[in-house]
Amino acid sequence: MKLIDLTRTLDPRDRERLAGHTARPDLHAPRIRYMSPDGEGLDEFCRCLHCTPADLSDGEGWGEEIIEDMSSHCGTHVDAPLHSGTTCEGKRSRTIDEIDLDELYCPGIVLDLRGTVRRGEPIPIDALDSAILRTGTAIEHGSAVLIRTGQEDCSAGSPDYFNYPGMTRQGTLHLTALGARVLGTDAIGWDRPFAVMTRQYRFDGTPLWDGHKAIREREAFIVQKLTNLGALPLAGFHVGFFPLKLARASAAPARVVAFVSTPSA
């Protein structure tokens, strides 16, 4: 069994790379106060244990980090139904701590849409169907669909970081009707970019954020900011989405890991 990490690293330096490009840096990277064992960590250790550095055989305390200014939707994260609205399928929307882990460990397929979709535009249903055919299998009930648009190559500060293909209500409901329970993407958002949605709404009234809102009609869990999808086969693997267990929250940062069988020696 081979484990493949699909999680983006949370790096506070990304805030500097995105300076001037977003009003919500907390969605992309936390602030982290680093306390090293020979610096602030030593000071904190001595304060808590009422000692001095001279009392320590190596003269060092502990390493510690204080995480600040981080959204529950920061980095690679899992959206609970509450993120899309207070109700889902006519009932109260579940929060992230109400989702069982066995719902977040499931068979997965990769829909490789590179070269068939365009940045800033909706992902057509026929492109999804063609990508499903290329996997050589069908979407299993309760499984994960991981959409590869090529955005995994766009790090914070890249020109196209905020410009990506996105899903619509129709596309989202199409995947969930086929059985998908977890909907993942390598883009920073599931829907089209905010600026694109706003322009379209003002032009013809297309509903805003309709990809996310579709979750209210048929429950599913959206996962954004995946990476390393190119290391996966198109099918034949399982994937686990392990979000922090935040009480009453609409989402949580997650470690996402694919489990790929390897041939026996």
C-alpha atoms as a PDB file:
ATOM      1  CA  MET A   1       0.000   0.000   0.000  1.00  0.00           C
ATOM      2  CA  LYS A   2       1.358   3.401  -1.003  1.00  0.00           C
ATOM      3  CA  LEU A   3       0.231   6.577   0.768  1.00  0.00           C
ATOM      4  CA  ILE A   4       0.083   9.760  -1.305  1.00  0.00           C
ATOM      5  CA  ASP A   5      -0.332  13.124   0.381  1.00  0.00           C
ATOM      6  CA  LEU A   6      -2.858  15.369  -1.411  1.00  0.00           C
ATOM      7  CA  THR A   7      -2.572  18.228   1.094  1.00  0.00           C
ATOM      8  CA  ARG A   8      -1.158  21.681   0.490  1.00  0.00           C
ATOM      9  CA  THR A   9       1.323  22.905   3.097  1.00  0.00           C
ATOM     10  CA  LEU A  10       0.081  25.735   5.309  1.00  0.00           C
ATOM     11  CA  ASP A  11       2.873  28.290   5.007  1.00  0.00           C
ATOM     12  CA  PRO A  12       2.554  31.760   6.567  1.00  0.00           C
ATOM     13  CA  ARG A  13       4.915  33.084   3.883  1.00  0.00           C
ATOM     14  CA  ASP A  14       2.046  32.701   1.422  1.00  0.00           C
ATOM     15  CA  ARG A  15       0.458  35.746   3.063  1.00  0.00           C
ATOM     16  CA  GLU A  16       3.383  37.811   1.791  1.00  0.00           C
ATOM     17  CA  ARG A  17       3.093  36.292  -1.680  1.00  0.00           C
ATOM     18  CA  LEU A  18      -0.610  37.212  -1.797  1.00  0.00           C
ATOM     19  CA  ALA A  19      -0.242  40.707  -0.318  1.00  0.00           C
ATOM     20  CA  GLY A  20      -2.431  43.130  -2.258  1.00  0.00           C
ATOM     21  CA  HIS A  21      -4.236  40.333  -4.102  1.00  0.00           C
ATOM     22  CA  THR A  22      -6.808  39.249  -1.530  1.00  0.00           C
ATOM     23  CA  ALA A  23      -8.824  40.804   1.271  1.00  0.00           C
ATOM     24  CA  ARG A  24      -8.932  37.422   3.038  1.00  0.00           C
ATOM     25  CA  PRO A  25      -5.386  36.134   3.616  1.00  0.00           C
ATOM     26  CA  ASP A  26      -6.752  33.967   6.443  1.00  0.00           C
ATOM     27  CA  LEU A  27      -8.303  31.714   3.793  1.00  0.00           C
ATOM     28  CA  HIS A  28      -4.916  30.946   2.283  1.00  0.00           C
ATOM     29  CA  ALA A  29      -2.394  30.838   5.118  1.00  0.00           C
ATOM     30  CA  PRO A  30      -2.331  31.377   8.879  1.00  0.00           C
ATOM     31  CA  ARG A  31      -0.117  33.641  10.860  1.00  0.00           C
ATOM     32  CA  ILE A  32       2.233  31.481  12.910  1.00  0.00           C
ATOM     33  CA  ARG A  33       4.358  32.590  15.832  1.00  0.00           C
ATOM     34  CA  TYR A  34       7.309  30.204  15.987  1.00  0.00           C
ATOM     35  CA  MET A  35       8.789  29.533  19.419  1.00  0.00           C
ATOM     36  CA  SER A  36      12.063  27.606  19.174  1.00  0.00           C
ATOM     37  CA  PRO A  37      13.515  25.416  21.963  1.00  0.00           C
ATOM     38  CA  ASP A  38      16.474  27.802  22.294  1.00  0.00           C
ATOM     39  CA  GLY A  39      14.397  30.993  22.069  1.00  0.00           C
ATOM     40  CA  GLU A  40      10.834  31.825  23.061  1.00  0.00           C
ATOM     41  CA  GLY A  41      10.143  28.139  23.643  1.00  0.00           C
ATOM     42  CA  LEU A  42      12.863  28.128  26.284  1.00  0.00           C
ATOM     43  CA  ASP A  43      11.390  31.208  27.938  1.00  0.00           C
ATOM     44  CA  GLU A  44       7.904  29.659  28.007  1.00  0.00           C
ATOM     45  CA  PHE A  45       9.241  26.363  29.353  1.00  0.00           C
ATOM     46  CA  CYS A  46      11.027  28.090  32.205  1.00  0.00           C
ATOM     47  CA  ARG A  47       7.936  30.173  32.991  1.00  0.00           C
ATOM     48  CA  CYS A  48       5.664  27.117  33.127  1.00  0.00           C
ATOM     49  CA  LEU A  49       8.069  24.919  35.111  1.00  0.00           C
ATOM     50  CA  HIS A  50       9.414  27.699  37.362  1.00  0.00           C
ATOM     51  CA  CYS A  51      13.018  27.033  36.422  1.00  0.00           C
ATOM     52  CA  THR A  52      15.937  28.683  34.649  1.00  0.00           C
ATOM     53  CA  PRO A  53      17.977  27.542  31.623  1.00  0.00           C
ATOM     54  CA  ALA A  54      20.706  26.538  34.060  1.00  0.00           C
ATOM     55  CA  ASP A  55      18.355  23.888  35.442  1.00  0.00           C
ATOM     56  CA  LEU A  56      18.165  22.146  32.058  1.00  0.00           C
ATOM     57  CA  SER A  57      20.826  19.647  31.014  1.00  0.00           C
ATOM     58  CA  ASP A  58      20.833  20.852  27.408  1.00  0.00           C
ATOM     59  CA  GLY A  59      19.826  24.436  28.129  1.00  0.00           C
ATOM     60  CA  GLU A  60      16.801  24.148  25.858  1.00  0.00           C
ATOM     61  CA  GLY A  61      13.031  24.216  26.368  1.00  0.00           C
ATOM     62  CA  TRP A  62      10.335  23.087  23.961  1.00  0.00           C
ATOM     63  CA  GLY A  63       9.338  23.973  20.442  1.00  0.00           C
ATOM     64  CA  GLU A  64       5.881  25.484  20.074  1.00  0.00           C
ATOM     65  CA  GLU A  65       3.858  27.408  17.540  1.00  0.00           C
ATOM     66  CA  ILE A  66       0.989  29.808  18.099  1.00  0.00           C
ATOM     67  CA  ILE A  67      -1.413  29.747  15.141  1.00  0.00           C
ATOM     68  CA  GLU A  68      -3.304  32.978  14.563  1.00  0.00           C
ATOM     69  CA  ASP A  69      -5.737  34.497  12.066  1.00  0.00           C
ATOM     70  CA  MET A  70      -6.707  31.308  10.246  1.00  0.00           C
ATOM     71  CA  SER A  71     -10.109  30.589   8.730  1.00  0.00           C
ATOM     72  CA  SER A  72     -11.666  27.145   9.135  1.00  0.00           C
ATOM     73  CA  HIS A  73     -11.516  27.138   5.311  1.00  0.00           C
ATOM     74  CA  CYS A  74      -7.758  27.720   5.212  1.00  0.00           C
ATOM     75  CA  GLY A  75      -5.618  25.549   2.982  1.00  0.00           C
ATOM     76  CA  THR A  76      -6.780  22.075   2.012  1.00  0.00           C
ATOM     77  CA  HIS A  77     -10.068  21.734   3.857  1.00  0.00           C
ATOM     78  CA  VAL A  78     -13.359  19.864   3.990  1.00  0.00           C
ATOM     79  CA  ASP A  79     -16.633  21.801   3.808  1.00  0.00           C
ATOM     80  CA  ALA A  80     -19.488  20.555   5.946  1.00  0.00           C
ATOM     81  CA  PRO A  81     -23.030  21.085   4.580  1.00  0.00           C
ATOM     82  CA  LEU A  82     -23.407  24.085   6.932  1.00  0.00           C
ATOM     83  CA  HIS A  83     -21.015  26.036   4.706  1.00  0.00           C
ATOM     84  CA  SER A  84     -23.643  26.086   1.957  1.00  0.00           C
ATOM     85  CA  GLY A  85     -26.584  27.076   4.168  1.00  0.00           C
ATOM     86  CA  THR A  86     -28.427  26.329   7.382  1.00  0.00           C
ATOM     87  CA  THR A  87     -30.513  23.543   5.851  1.00  0.00           C
ATOM     88  CA  CYS A  88     -29.654  20.593   3.609  1.00  0.00           C
ATOM     89  CA  GLU A  89     -32.194  18.251   2.058  1.00  0.00           C
ATOM     90  CA  GLY A  90     -34.825  19.997   4.179  1.00  0.00           C
ATOM     91  CA  LYS A  91     -33.053  19.280   7.471  1.00  0.00           C
ATOM     92  CA  ARG A  92     -30.583  21.159   9.637  1.00  0.00           C
ATOM     93  CA  SER A  93     -27.202  21.182   7.926  1.00  0.00           C
ATOM     94  CA  ARG A  94     -24.541  19.073   9.557  1.00  0.00           C
ATOM     95  CA  THR A  95     -21.375  20.586  10.967  1.00  0.00           C
ATOM     96  CA  ILE A  96     -17.858  19.239  10.445  1.00  0.00           C
ATOM     97  CA  ASP A  97     -17.757  17.457  13.808  1.00  0.00           C
ATOM     98  CA  GLU A  98     -20.997  15.625  12.958  1.00  0.00           C
ATOM     99  CA  ILE A  99     -19.537  13.893   9.903  1.00  0.00           C
ATOM    100  CA  ASP A 100     -18.338  10.351  10.620  1.00  0.00           C
ATOM    101  CA  LEU A 101     -14.866   9.365   9.457  1.00  0.00           C
ATOM    102  CA  ASP A 102     -16.279   6.400   7.553  1.00  0.00           C
ATOM    103  CA  GLU A 103     -18.091   8.916   5.340  1.00  0.00           C
ATOM    104  CA  LEU A 104     -14.736  10.525   4.587  1.00  0.00           C
ATOM    105  CA  TYR A 105     -12.827   7.362   3.676  1.00  0.00           C
ATOM    106  CA  CYS A 106     -14.008   6.063   0.343  1.00  0.00           C
ATOM    107  CA  PRO A 107     -13.094   4.903  -3.167  1.00  0.00           C
ATOM    108  CA  GLY A 108     -11.924   7.717  -5.407  1.00  0.00           C
ATOM    109  CA  ILE A 109     -11.488   8.623  -9.042  1.00  0.00           C
ATOM    110  CA  VAL A 110      -9.605  11.481 -10.679  1.00  0.00           C
ATOM    111  CA  LEU A 111     -11.304  13.447 -13.440  1.00  0.00           C
ATOM    112  CA  ASP A 112      -8.413  14.880 -15.441  1.00  0.00           C
ATOM    113  CA  LEU A 113      -9.869  17.947 -17.153  1.00  0.00           C
ATOM    114  CA  ARG A 114      -6.599  19.562 -18.161  1.00  0.00           C
ATOM    115  CA  GLY A 115      -6.774  20.803 -21.726  1.00  0.00           C
ATOM    116  CA  THR A 116     -10.557  20.426 -21.880  1.00  0.00           C
ATOM    117  CA  VAL A 117     -11.633  23.312 -19.625  1.00  0.00           C
ATOM    118  CA  ARG A 118     -10.721  26.982 -19.562  1.00  0.00           C
ATOM    119  CA  ARG A 119      -9.761  29.246 -16.689  1.00  0.00           C
ATOM    120  CA  GLY A 120     -12.592  31.370 -15.348  1.00  0.00           C
ATOM    121  CA  GLU A 121     -15.243  29.364 -17.162  1.00  0.00           C
ATOM    122  CA  PRO A 122     -17.761  26.758 -15.972  1.00  0.00           C
ATOM    123  CA  ILE A 123     -16.844  23.099 -16.290  1.00  0.00           C
ATOM    124  CA  PRO A 124     -19.320  21.530 -18.769  1.00  0.00           C
ATOM    125  CA  ILE A 125     -21.153  18.338 -17.910  1.00  0.00           C
ATOM    126  CA  ASP A 126     -19.939  16.694 -21.122  1.00  0.00           C
ATOM    127  CA  ALA A 127     -16.342  17.347 -20.034  1.00  0.00           C
ATOM    128  CA  LEU A 128     -17.082  15.622 -16.727  1.00  0.00           C
ATOM    129  CA  ASP A 129     -18.681  12.654 -18.489  1.00  0.00           C
ATOM    130  CA  SER A 130     -15.765  12.297 -20.898  1.00  0.00           C
ATOM    131  CA  ALA A 131     -13.322  12.332 -17.994  1.00  0.00           C
ATOM    132  CA  ILE A 132     -15.377   9.691 -16.178  1.00  0.00           C
ATOM    133  CA  LEU A 133     -15.187   7.461 -19.268  1.00  0.00           C
ATOM    134  CA  ARG A 134     -11.405   7.856 -19.325  1.00  0.00           C
ATOM    135  CA  THR A 135     -11.179   6.412 -15.814  1.00  0.00           C
ATOM    136  CA  GLY A 136     -12.572   3.119 -17.115  1.00  0.00           C
ATOM    137  CA  THR A 137     -15.021   2.854 -14.248  1.00  0.00           C
ATOM    138  CA  ALA A 138     -18.215   4.358 -12.868  1.00  0.00           C
ATOM    139  CA  ILE A 139     -18.671   6.594  -9.842  1.00  0.00           C
ATOM    140  CA  GLU A 140     -19.471   4.350  -6.895  1.00  0.00           C
ATOM    141  CA  HIS A 141     -22.162   5.385  -4.448  1.00  0.00           C
ATOM    142  CA  GLY A 142     -20.557   7.283  -1.591  1.00  0.00           C
ATOM    143  CA  SER A 143     -17.262   7.743  -3.404  1.00  0.00           C
ATOM    144  CA  ALA A 144     -14.979  10.729  -3.974  1.00  0.00           C
ATOM    145  CA  VAL A 145     -14.537  12.560  -7.262  1.00  0.00           C
ATOM    146  CA  LEU A 146     -11.302  14.556  -7.449  1.00  0.00           C
ATOM    147  CA  ILE A 147     -11.239  17.159 -10.192  1.00  0.00           C
ATOM    148  CA  ARG A 148      -7.835  17.908 -11.683  1.00  0.00           C
ATOM    149  CA  THR A 149      -7.836  21.207 -13.550  1.00  0.00           C
ATOM    150  CA  GLY A 150      -4.101  21.871 -13.423  1.00  0.00           C
ATOM    151  CA  GLN A 151      -4.460  24.422 -10.634  1.00  0.00           C
ATOM    152  CA  GLU A 152      -2.242  22.282  -8.407  1.00  0.00           C
ATOM    153  CA  ASP A 153       0.641  23.859 -10.329  1.00  0.00           C
ATOM    154  CA  CYS A 154      -0.419  27.365  -9.238  1.00  0.00           C
ATOM    155  CA  SER A 155       1.118  28.286  -5.918  1.00  0.00           C
ATOM    156  CA  ALA A 156       0.246  31.416  -3.938  1.00  0.00           C
ATOM    157  CA  GLY A 157       1.386  34.424  -5.924  1.00  0.00           C
ATOM    158  CA  SER A 158       1.161  32.693  -9.309  1.00  0.00           C
ATOM    159  CA  PRO A 159      -0.634  34.781 -11.967  1.00  0.00           C
ATOM    160  CA  ASP A 160      -3.490  32.281 -12.299  1.00  0.00           C
ATOM    161  CA  TYR A 161      -3.844  31.362  -8.610  1.00  0.00           C
ATOM    162  CA  PHE A 162      -7.250  33.089  -8.476  1.00  0.00           C
ATOM    163  CA  ASN A 163      -8.245  32.203 -12.048  1.00  0.00           C
ATOM    164  CA  TYR A 164      -9.513  28.663 -12.429  1.00  0.00           C
ATOM    165  CA  PRO A 165     -12.289  26.597 -14.035  1.00  0.00           C
ATOM    166  CA  GLY A 166     -15.218  26.124 -11.686  1.00  0.00           C
ATOM    167  CA  MET A 167     -18.279  24.029 -11.108  1.00  0.00           C
ATOM    168  CA  THR A 168     -21.924  25.020 -11.489  1.00  0.00           C
ATOM    169  CA  ARG A 169     -25.119  23.853  -9.834  1.00  0.00           C
ATOM    170  CA  GLN A 170     -25.847  21.580 -12.783  1.00  0.00           C
ATOM    171  CA  GLY A 171     -22.390  20.011 -12.757  1.00  0.00           C
ATOM    172  CA  THR A 172     -22.419  19.518  -9.004  1.00  0.00           C
ATOM    173  CA  LEU A 173     -25.830  17.857  -9.008  1.00  0.00           C
ATOM    174  CA  HIS A 174     -24.754  15.711 -11.952  1.00  0.00           C
ATOM    175  CA  LEU A 175     -21.857  14.255  -9.943  1.00  0.00           C
ATOM    176  CA  THR A 176     -23.903  13.701  -6.799  1.00  0.00           C
ATOM    177  CA  ALA A 177     -26.692  12.070  -8.827  1.00  0.00           C
ATOM    178  CA  LEU A 178     -24.106   9.605 -10.126  1.00  0.00           C
ATOM    179  CA  GLY A 179     -23.223   8.707  -6.546  1.00  0.00           C
ATOM    180  CA  ALA A 180     -20.394  11.040  -5.548  1.00  0.00           C
ATOM    181  CA  ARG A 181     -20.375  11.959  -1.863  1.00  0.00           C
ATOM    182  CA  VAL A 182     -17.076  13.854  -1.662  1.00  0.00           C
ATOM    183  CA  LEU A 183     -16.311  16.476  -4.298  1.00  0.00           C
ATOM    184  CA  GLY A 184     -12.676  17.559  -4.471  1.00  0.00           C
ATOM    185  CA  THR A 185     -10.779  20.036  -6.595  1.00  0.00           C
ATOM    186  CA  ASP A 186      -7.204  21.234  -6.980  1.00  0.00           C
ATOM    187  CA  ALA A 187      -8.504  24.800  -7.372  1.00  0.00           C
ATOM    188  CA  ILE A 188      -8.856  27.194  -4.443  1.00  0.00           C
ATOM    189  CA  GLY A 189     -12.621  27.257  -5.006  1.00  0.00           C
ATOM    190  CA  TRP A 190     -15.308  24.820  -6.167  1.00  0.00           C
ATOM    191  CA  ASP A 191     -17.350  27.429  -8.033  1.00  0.00           C
ATOM    192  CA  ARG A 192     -15.980  29.802 -10.631  1.00  0.00           C
ATOM    193  CA  PRO A 193     -13.823  32.691  -9.358  1.00  0.00           C
ATOM    194  CA  PHE A 194     -15.723  35.328  -7.388  1.00  0.00           C
ATOM    195  CA  ALA A 195     -15.106  38.106  -9.927  1.00  0.00           C
ATOM    196  CA  VAL A 196     -16.386  35.893 -12.748  1.00  0.00           C
ATOM    197  CA  MET A 197     -19.549  34.959 -10.851  1.00  0.00           C
ATOM    198  CA  THR A 198     -20.235  38.599  -9.991  1.00  0.00           C
ATOM    199  CA  ARG A 199     -19.889  39.731 -13.616  1.00  0.00           C
ATOM    200  CA  GLN A 200     -22.133  36.926 -14.847  1.00  0.00           C
ATOM    201  CA  TYR A 201     -24.783  37.687 -12.232  1.00  0.00           C
ATOM    202  CA  ARG A 202     -24.879  41.342 -13.233  1.00  0.00           C
ATOM    203  CA  PHE A 203     -25.044  40.373 -16.903  1.00  0.00           C
ATOM    204  CA  ASP A 204     -27.822  37.768 -16.892  1.00  0.00           C
ATOM    205  CA  GLY A 205     -28.785  36.978 -13.290  1.00  0.00           C
ATOM    206  CA  THR A 206     -26.949  33.644 -13.097  1.00  0.00           C
ATOM    207  CA  PRO A 207     -27.155  32.703  -9.384  1.00  0.00           C
ATOM    208  CA  LEU A 208     -24.085  33.403  -7.315  1.00  0.00           C
ATOM    209  CA  TRP A 209     -22.136  30.492  -5.820  1.00  0.00           C
ATOM    210  CA  ASP A 210     -24.548  27.992  -7.325  1.00  0.00           C
ATOM    211  CA  GLY A 211     -22.082  25.099  -7.184  1.00  0.00           C
ATOM    212  CA  HIS A 212     -21.898  25.290  -3.406  1.00  0.00           C
ATOM    213  CA  LYS A 213     -25.619  25.990  -3.061  1.00  0.00           C
ATOM    214  CA  ALA A 214     -26.378  22.737  -4.899  1.00  0.00           C
ATOM    215  CA  ILE A 215     -25.205  20.897  -1.777  1.00  0.00           C
ATOM    216  CA  ARG A 216     -28.389  22.062  -0.048  1.00  0.00           C
ATOM    217  CA  GLU A 217     -30.376  19.926  -2.499  1.00  0.00           C
ATOM    218  CA  ARG A 218     -28.258  16.775  -2.218  1.00  0.00           C
ATOM    219  CA  GLU A 219     -25.781  16.449   0.633  1.00  0.00           C
ATOM    220  CA  ALA A 220     -22.103  16.121  -0.205  1.00  0.00           C
ATOM    221  CA  PHE A 221     -18.787  17.333   1.152  1.00  0.00           C
ATOM    222  CA  ILE A 222     -16.682  19.734  -0.888  1.00  0.00           C
ATOM    223  CA  VAL A 223     -12.892  19.618  -0.558  1.00  0.00           C
ATOM    224  CA  GLN A 224     -10.792  22.436  -1.988  1.00  0.00           C
ATOM    225  CA  LYS A 225      -7.094  23.137  -2.573  1.00  0.00           C
ATOM    226  CA  LEU A 226      -5.968  19.584  -3.206  1.00  0.00           C
ATOM    227  CA  THR A 227      -2.540  18.971  -4.675  1.00  0.00           C
ATOM    228  CA  ASN A 228      -0.468  16.125  -6.110  1.00  0.00           C
ATOM    229  CA  LEU A 229      -3.381  14.628  -8.028  1.00  0.00           C
ATOM    230  CA  GLY A 230      -0.938  13.772 -10.800  1.00  0.00           C
ATOM    231  CA  ALA A 231       0.594  11.134  -8.528  1.00  0.00           C
ATOM    232  CA  LEU A 232      -2.662   9.160  -8.523  1.00  0.00           C
ATOM    233  CA  PRO A 233      -4.055   6.656 -10.992  1.00  0.00           C
ATOM    234  CA  LEU A 234      -7.385   7.724 -12.455  1.00  0.00           C
ATOM    235  CA  ALA A 235      -9.169   5.010 -10.452  1.00  0.00           C
ATOM    236  CA  GLY A 236      -8.567   2.046  -8.171  1.00  0.00           C
ATOM    237  CA  PHE A 237      -7.602   3.826  -4.975  1.00  0.00           C
ATOM    238  CA  HIS A 238      -9.160   4.968  -1.709  1.00  0.00           C
ATOM    239  CA  VAL A 239      -8.822   8.395  -0.178  1.00  0.00           C
ATOM    240  CA  GLY A 240      -9.211   9.618   3.378  1.00  0.00           C
ATOM    241  CA  PHE A 241     -10.188  13.168   4.284  1.00  0.00           C
ATOM    242  CA  PHE A 242      -9.288  13.850   7.908  1.00  0.00           C
ATOM    243  CA  PRO A 243     -10.511  17.301   9.049  1.00  0.00           C
ATOM    244  CA  LEU A 244      -9.823  18.807  12.447  1.00  0.00           C
ATOM    245  CA  LYS A 245     -12.772  18.113  14.726  1.00  0.00           C
ATOM    246  CA  LEU A 246     -13.925  21.701  15.259  1.00  0.00           C
ATOM    247  CA  ALA A 247     -17.114  21.982  17.299  1.00  0.00           C
ATOM    248  CA  ARG A 248     -20.109  23.400  15.416  1.00  0.00           C
ATOM    249  CA  ALA A 249     -17.922  24.505  12.464  1.00  0.00           C
ATOM    250  CA  SER A 250     -18.774  24.766   8.769  1.00  0.00           C
ATOM    251  CA  ALA A 251     -15.383  23.387   7.698  1.00  0.00           C
ATOM    252  CA  ALA A 252     -11.942  22.414   8.920  1.00  0.00           C
ATOM    253  CA  PRO A 253      -8.430  22.137   7.513  1.00  0.00           C
ATOM    254  CA  ALA A 254      -7.699  18.519   6.659  1.00  0.00           C
ATOM    255  CA  ARG A 255      -4.923  16.087   5.913  1.00  0.00           C
ATOM    256  CA  VAL A 256      -5.999  14.317   2.737  1.00  0.00           C
ATOM    257  CA  VAL A 257      -4.283  11.031   1.960  1.00  0.00           C
ATOM    258  CA  ALA A 258      -4.764   8.606  -0.924  1.00  0.00           C
ATOM    259  CA  PHE A 259      -4.226   4.887  -0.338  1.00  0.00           C
ATOM    260  CA  VAL A 260      -3.006   3.188  -3.490  1.00  0.00           C
ATOM    261  CA  SER A 261      -2.494  -0.562  -3.703  1.00  0.00           C
ATOM    262  CA  THR A 262       0.893  -1.682  -4.974  1.00  0.00           C
ATOM    263  CA  PRO A 263       1.629  -4.993  -6.723  1.00  0.00           C
ATOM    264  CA  SER A 264       2.800  -7.791  -4.465  1.00  0.00           C
ATOM    265  CA  ALA A 265       6.473  -8.658  -4.742  1.00  0.00           C
END
